[in-house]
Amino acid sequence: FGSLSIMILLILFVLKRNLTYPLGQLTQTIRDFEIGRGQGLDRTDASVKNAVDLSTRQDETGLLARSFVKMKNNLRTTYAELDERKEALRKSDTKHKEMIANISDVIAILNIDGTIKYKSPNIEKWFGWRPEDLVGTDGWETVHPEDLERVQKEFFMLLKQDNSTRTVEYRYKCKDE
């Protein structure tokens, strides 16, 4: 019975060393990675280093580790590209805001129901309204009553055709009216 016990212990030791322990390391690496939500992808901390070390194995554990390292590298590239795109979008947004702020026309964006989604900052210069006072309100309330029907007709014509544009001049209510 003694040699059988030693053999079983030896098999358990080999299984723990070659399967259980490496899978535990890989699992912990994945948990650490998940908790950080991809933060620190360039770090060479112990858990990521363990996955890289395990990836040299030629068994299923190595295959899992190589897949994880490949996924980590793909995510690093994706996050870097997203950061570049966010920065480009931020710069573009800043540029467009500066351009809009320096034109003499007032620009508005309305929802289909006429609710104001955007008003250019120069609305304050020309009409006394601050953009934040108007966003979310009924855009028809600031149109002069004698122009309202004509402006609404033009607005609804725009909605009927994709990518159509119209220039509409009308009287606008000043804040002090």
Protein backbone atom coordinates (compact mmCIF):
# COMPACT_ATOMS: atom_id res chain seq x y z
CA PHE A 1 0.00 0.00 0.00
CA GLY A 2 2.98 2.33 0.65
CA SER A 3 4.29 2.48 -2.94
CA LEU A 4 0.79 3.13 -4.27
CA SER A 5 0.43 6.07 -1.87
CA ILE A 6 3.77 7.46 -2.95
CA MET A 7 2.79 7.07 -6.61
CA ILE A 8 -0.54 8.85 -6.03
CA LEU A 9 1.25 11.66 -4.17
CA LEU A 10 3.76 11.94 -7.01
CA ILE A 11 0.95 12.14 -9.60
CA LEU A 12 -0.85 14.79 -7.51
CA PHE A 13 2.39 16.78 -7.20
CA VAL A 14 2.98 16.62 -10.95
CA LEU A 15 -0.63 17.60 -11.67
CA LYS A 16 -0.40 20.51 -9.25
CA ARG A 17 2.94 21.67 -10.62
CA ASN A 18 2.12 21.20 -14.30
CA LEU A 19 -1.60 21.93 -14.45
CA THR A 20 -3.30 23.29 -11.36
CA TYR A 21 -0.67 25.87 -10.38
CA PRO A 22 -0.17 27.28 -13.94
CA LEU A 23 -3.94 27.45 -14.52
CA GLY A 24 -4.31 29.20 -11.18
CA GLN A 25 -1.64 31.73 -12.22
CA LEU A 26 -3.36 32.31 -15.55
CA THR A 27 -6.75 32.63 -13.87
CA GLN A 28 -5.34 35.17 -11.39
CA THR A 29 -3.76 37.11 -14.27
CA ILE A 30 -7.10 37.24 -16.05
CA ARG A 31 -8.86 38.35 -12.84
CA ASP A 32 -6.25 41.07 -12.26
CA PHE A 33 -6.66 42.17 -15.86
CA GLU A 34 -10.47 42.17 -15.61
CA ILE A 35 -10.50 44.16 -12.38
CA GLY A 36 -8.28 46.79 -13.99
CA ARG A 37 -10.50 46.79 -17.10
CA GLY A 38 -7.43 46.88 -19.28
CA GLN A 39 -5.71 49.57 -17.24
CA GLY A 40 -1.95 49.29 -17.20
CA LEU A 41 -1.68 47.16 -20.31
CA ASP A 42 1.93 48.20 -20.71
CA ARG A 43 2.86 47.18 -17.19
CA THR A 44 5.19 44.26 -16.66
CA ASP A 45 3.71 43.31 -13.30
CA ALA A 46 3.99 39.79 -11.99
CA SER A 47 0.60 38.56 -13.18
CA VAL A 48 1.13 39.63 -16.79
CA LYS A 49 4.70 38.31 -16.66
CA ASN A 50 3.28 34.96 -15.48
CA ALA A 51 1.04 34.78 -18.55
CA VAL A 52 3.99 35.56 -20.80
CA ASP A 53 6.09 32.89 -19.05
CA LEU A 54 3.27 30.35 -19.35
CA SER A 55 2.86 31.12 -23.05
CA THR A 56 6.12 29.30 -23.83
CA ARG A 57 4.61 26.00 -22.75
CA GLN A 58 3.59 23.62 -25.52
CA ASP A 59 0.41 22.34 -23.90
CA GLU A 60 -3.14 23.59 -23.42
CA THR A 61 -2.03 25.94 -20.63
CA GLY A 62 0.51 27.48 -22.99
CA LEU A 63 -2.16 27.84 -25.66
CA LEU A 64 -4.46 29.60 -23.19
CA ALA A 65 -1.64 31.87 -22.05
CA ARG A 66 -0.65 32.72 -25.65
CA SER A 67 -4.28 33.54 -26.42
CA PHE A 68 -4.46 35.78 -23.36
CA VAL A 69 -1.22 37.58 -24.25
CA LYS A 70 -2.46 38.06 -27.82
CA MET A 71 -5.77 39.42 -26.52
CA LYS A 72 -3.91 41.75 -24.15
CA ASN A 73 -1.74 43.05 -27.00
CA ASN A 74 -4.79 43.54 -29.24
CA LEU A 75 -6.53 45.45 -26.47
CA ARG A 76 -3.45 47.59 -25.92
CA THR A 77 -3.51 48.51 -29.62
CA THR A 78 -7.25 49.12 -29.56
CA TYR A 79 -7.02 51.35 -26.47
CA ALA A 80 -4.16 53.30 -28.03
CA GLU A 81 -6.19 53.82 -31.22
CA LEU A 82 -9.24 54.88 -29.17
CA ASP A 83 -7.13 57.37 -27.23
CA GLU A 84 -5.81 58.81 -30.50
CA ARG A 85 -9.35 59.06 -31.89
CA LYS A 86 -10.64 60.70 -28.70
CA GLU A 87 -7.86 63.27 -28.87
CA ALA A 88 -8.52 63.95 -32.56
CA LEU A 89 -12.25 64.32 -31.82
CA ARG A 90 -11.53 66.65 -28.91
CA LYS A 91 -9.31 68.83 -31.12
CA SER A 92 -11.89 68.84 -33.90
CA ASP A 93 -14.67 69.71 -31.45
CA THR A 94 -12.62 72.58 -30.02
CA LYS A 95 -11.84 73.88 -33.51
CA HIS A 96 -15.49 73.77 -34.57
CA LYS A 97 -16.66 75.46 -31.37
CA GLU A 98 -14.15 78.25 -31.95
CA MET A 99 -15.27 78.64 -35.57
CA ILE A 100 -18.96 78.76 -34.63
CA ALA A 101 -18.30 81.25 -31.83
CA ASN A 102 -16.70 83.65 -34.33
CA ILE A 103 -19.38 83.78 -37.00
CA SER A 104 -22.10 86.39 -37.07
CA ASP A 105 -25.00 83.97 -37.71
CA VAL A 106 -26.74 82.15 -34.90
CA ILE A 107 -26.76 78.39 -35.37
CA ALA A 108 -29.37 76.14 -33.81
CA ILE A 109 -30.00 72.41 -33.84
CA LEU A 110 -33.54 71.27 -33.11
CA ASN A 111 -35.06 67.86 -32.41
CA ILE A 112 -37.90 66.71 -34.67
CA ASP A 113 -40.39 68.09 -32.15
CA GLY A 114 -38.74 71.54 -32.22
CA THR A 115 -36.90 71.20 -28.91
CA ILE A 116 -33.58 73.05 -29.01
CA LYS A 117 -30.57 70.73 -28.78
CA TYR A 118 -27.90 73.36 -29.49
CA LYS A 119 -27.57 77.14 -29.79
CA SER A 120 -24.34 78.82 -30.79
CA PRO A 121 -22.72 81.06 -28.16
CA ASN A 122 -23.25 84.23 -30.20
CA ILE A 123 -26.98 84.03 -29.42
CA GLU A 124 -26.16 86.02 -26.29
CA LYS A 125 -24.42 88.78 -28.25
CA TRP A 126 -27.29 89.24 -30.68
CA PHE A 127 -30.40 88.39 -28.68
CA GLY A 128 -29.42 88.37 -24.99
CA TRP A 129 -30.06 84.65 -24.43
CA ARG A 130 -27.40 82.34 -23.04
CA PRO A 131 -27.30 79.04 -24.96
CA GLU A 132 -27.87 77.03 -21.78
CA ASP A 133 -31.08 79.03 -21.14
CA LEU A 134 -32.52 77.78 -24.43
CA VAL A 135 -31.23 74.21 -24.80
CA GLY A 136 -34.05 71.81 -23.95
CA THR A 137 -36.79 74.40 -24.50
CA ASP A 138 -39.36 74.73 -27.29
CA GLY A 139 -37.58 76.37 -30.22
CA TRP A 140 -40.82 77.78 -31.59
CA GLU A 141 -41.24 80.02 -28.53
CA THR A 142 -38.45 82.34 -29.71
CA VAL A 143 -39.74 82.76 -33.27
CA HIS A 144 -41.69 85.96 -33.89
CA PRO A 145 -45.42 85.03 -34.02
CA GLU A 146 -45.86 86.52 -37.50
CA ASP A 147 -43.03 84.31 -38.85
CA LEU A 148 -43.86 81.10 -36.97
CA GLU A 149 -46.05 79.36 -39.58
CA ARG A 150 -43.56 80.02 -42.41
CA VAL A 151 -40.57 78.87 -40.34
CA GLN A 152 -42.33 75.69 -39.23
CA LYS A 153 -43.31 74.92 -42.83
CA GLU A 154 -39.64 75.20 -43.90
CA PHE A 155 -38.55 73.11 -40.93
CA PHE A 156 -40.95 70.27 -41.72
CA MET A 157 -39.92 70.38 -45.41
CA LEU A 158 -36.35 69.74 -44.25
CA LEU A 159 -37.49 66.64 -42.39
CA LYS A 160 -39.01 65.14 -45.54
CA GLN A 161 -35.70 64.96 -47.46
CA ASP A 162 -32.45 63.43 -46.23
CA ASN A 163 -29.42 65.72 -46.34
CA SER A 164 -31.45 68.71 -47.48
CA THR A 165 -30.55 72.24 -46.46
CA ARG A 166 -32.52 75.45 -46.28
CA THR A 167 -31.70 79.00 -45.31
CA VAL A 168 -34.51 80.69 -43.47
CA GLU A 169 -34.47 84.25 -42.26
CA TYR A 170 -36.97 85.25 -39.62
CA ARG A 171 -37.42 87.55 -36.69
CA TYR A 172 -36.21 86.23 -33.37
CA LYS A 173 -37.45 87.24 -29.95
CA CYS A 174 -34.89 88.99 -27.80
CA LYS A 175 -34.60 87.96 -24.18
CA ASP A 176 -35.88 91.29 -22.93
CA GLU A 177 -39.14 91.09 -24.93
